[in-house]
Amino acid sequence: QDHFVESGGTLVHPGDSLKLSCATSGFNFRYKDMSWYRQAPGKEREWVASHSYRDGTRDYADSVKGRFTISRNVGKATSYLQMNDLKPEDTAVYYCSAVVNWKRQWGQGTQVTVSP
C-alpha cells in the first residue's frame, strides 16, 4: 500500500527554487506529524524537516534552515517542501515520511539534482 507519493523533483541550477509534494493516503493525515528526509549518493539518509500536527511547529536541519519550508494542506492530505536558494550539496533523493501503524514509513522518493 502506497501511503506516500512524492513528486516535483527535477534538475535545477544553483540558486533556483523548487517545491516538492507528497500526496498521502491510507491514514488520517490530519493527525500525523510529517517529515522530509533526503539521501545523497554514497551517504546515509538524513532528516531534513518536520511539521507537527499538534501545534504546527516546524523544525529544520541546520543545513537547510532559512532556505527550506515544510507545509501541509490537510484537505488534500499533502505535505510540501519548498526549497529556495538550492545548492549542489542539496542534490539527493527526497522522501516524505510519517509513523503509520507504529512504523516509520517512506515514499519512493523524488530526485533533486542541483548542477550548474
Protein backbone atom coordinates (compact mmCIF):
# COMPACT_ATOMS: atom_id res chain seq x y z
CA GLN A 1 0.00 0.00 0.00
CA ASP A 2 1.47 3.34 -1.07
CA HIS A 3 1.00 5.75 1.79
CA PHE A 4 3.23 8.44 0.27
CA VAL A 5 3.81 9.56 -3.29
CA GLU A 6 6.46 12.24 -3.72
CA SER A 7 6.74 14.41 -6.80
CA GLY A 8 8.33 17.61 -8.06
CA GLY A 9 11.97 16.63 -8.19
CA THR A 10 13.98 17.66 -11.22
CA LEU A 11 17.29 19.13 -12.40
CA VAL A 12 17.82 22.76 -11.34
CA HIS A 13 20.67 25.27 -11.18
CA PRO A 14 22.27 26.67 -8.02
CA GLY A 15 20.14 29.45 -6.59
CA ASP A 16 16.91 28.10 -8.08
CA SER A 17 13.77 27.20 -6.14
CA LEU A 18 11.73 24.01 -6.23
CA LYS A 19 8.62 22.76 -4.44
CA LEU A 20 8.20 19.08 -3.66
CA SER A 21 4.84 17.49 -2.94
CA CYS A 22 3.91 14.36 -1.02
CA ALA A 23 0.40 13.04 -1.57
CA THR A 24 -0.66 10.69 1.19
CA SER A 25 -3.36 8.07 1.62
CA GLY A 26 -4.37 5.25 3.89
CA PHE A 27 -4.20 7.12 7.19
CA ASN A 28 -5.62 10.21 8.86
CA PHE A 29 -3.26 12.91 7.64
CA ARG A 30 -4.81 15.50 9.95
CA TYR A 31 -3.32 13.76 12.99
CA LYS A 32 0.14 12.89 11.67
CA ASP A 33 3.47 14.62 12.13
CA MET A 34 5.04 14.78 8.68
CA SER A 35 8.73 14.76 7.89
CA TRP A 36 11.04 15.02 4.92
CA TYR A 37 14.34 13.19 4.60
CA ARG A 38 16.95 13.01 1.87
CA GLN A 39 19.68 10.66 0.75
CA ALA A 40 22.61 11.84 -1.30
CA PRO A 41 24.71 9.41 -3.39
CA GLY A 42 27.02 7.41 -1.16
CA LYS A 43 25.55 8.86 2.04
CA GLU A 44 23.05 7.76 4.63
CA ARG A 45 19.52 9.08 4.67
CA GLU A 46 19.28 12.27 6.72
CA TRP A 47 16.42 14.15 8.28
CA VAL A 48 15.56 17.49 6.65
CA ALA A 49 12.39 18.89 8.22
CA SER A 50 9.37 18.02 10.35
CA HIS A 51 5.95 19.53 10.86
CA SER A 52 3.90 18.86 13.99
CA TYR A 53 0.15 18.42 13.54
CA ARG A 54 -0.46 19.35 17.20
CA ASP A 55 0.81 22.91 17.22
CA GLY A 56 2.20 23.47 13.74
CA THR A 57 5.80 23.56 14.98
CA ARG A 58 8.31 23.24 12.15
CA ASP A 59 11.87 22.05 12.68
CA TYR A 60 14.72 22.02 10.20
CA ALA A 61 18.19 20.59 9.84
CA ASP A 62 20.83 23.28 10.17
CA SER A 63 21.92 22.70 6.58
CA VAL A 64 18.55 23.84 5.22
CA LYS A 65 17.32 26.28 7.87
CA GLY A 66 16.30 29.59 6.33
CA ARG A 67 16.11 28.10 2.83
CA PHE A 68 13.53 25.27 3.08
CA THR A 69 9.94 25.46 4.33
CA ILE A 70 7.73 22.50 5.19
CA SER A 71 3.96 22.94 4.96
CA ARG A 72 0.78 20.92 4.67
CA ASN A 73 -2.68 21.01 3.13
CA VAL A 74 -4.99 18.94 5.30
CA GLY A 75 -7.83 19.00 2.76
CA LYS A 76 -5.53 17.49 0.14
CA ALA A 77 -3.68 15.24 2.63
CA THR A 78 -0.46 16.55 1.13
CA SER A 79 2.83 17.68 2.61
CA TYR A 80 5.09 20.13 0.79
CA LEU A 81 8.74 21.09 0.92
CA GLN A 82 9.55 24.49 -0.57
CA MET A 83 13.26 24.70 -1.31
CA ASN A 84 14.89 28.05 -2.09
CA ASP A 85 18.46 29.03 -2.93
CA LEU A 86 19.32 25.46 -3.82
CA LYS A 87 22.96 24.38 -3.65
CA PRO A 88 24.78 21.46 -5.27
CA GLU A 89 25.00 19.80 -1.84
CA ASP A 90 21.19 19.63 -1.80
CA THR A 91 21.37 17.02 -4.56
CA ALA A 92 19.64 13.91 -3.23
CA VAL A 93 16.58 11.72 -3.37
CA TYR A 94 13.94 13.35 -1.16
CA TYR A 95 11.46 11.26 0.81
CA CYS A 96 8.44 12.17 2.86
CA SER A 97 7.70 10.09 5.91
CA ALA A 98 5.45 9.52 8.88
CA VAL A 99 4.87 6.88 11.51
CA VAL A 100 1.98 4.75 10.29
CA ASN A 101 0.85 1.62 12.12
CA TRP A 102 3.67 2.17 14.65
CA LYS A 103 6.37 2.08 11.96
CA ARG A 104 8.17 4.91 10.21
CA GLN A 105 7.23 4.58 6.57
CA TRP A 106 8.51 6.20 3.39
CA GLY A 107 7.56 7.00 -0.12
CA GLN A 108 9.57 6.02 -3.19
CA GLY A 109 11.34 9.37 -3.24
CA THR A 110 11.85 12.07 -5.83
CA GLN A 111 15.24 13.03 -7.29
CA VAL A 112 16.51 16.58 -6.93
CA THR A 113 19.70 17.44 -8.78
CA VAL A 114 21.34 20.84 -8.39
CA SER A 115 24.00 21.41 -11.01
CA PRO A 116 25.49 24.43 -12.82
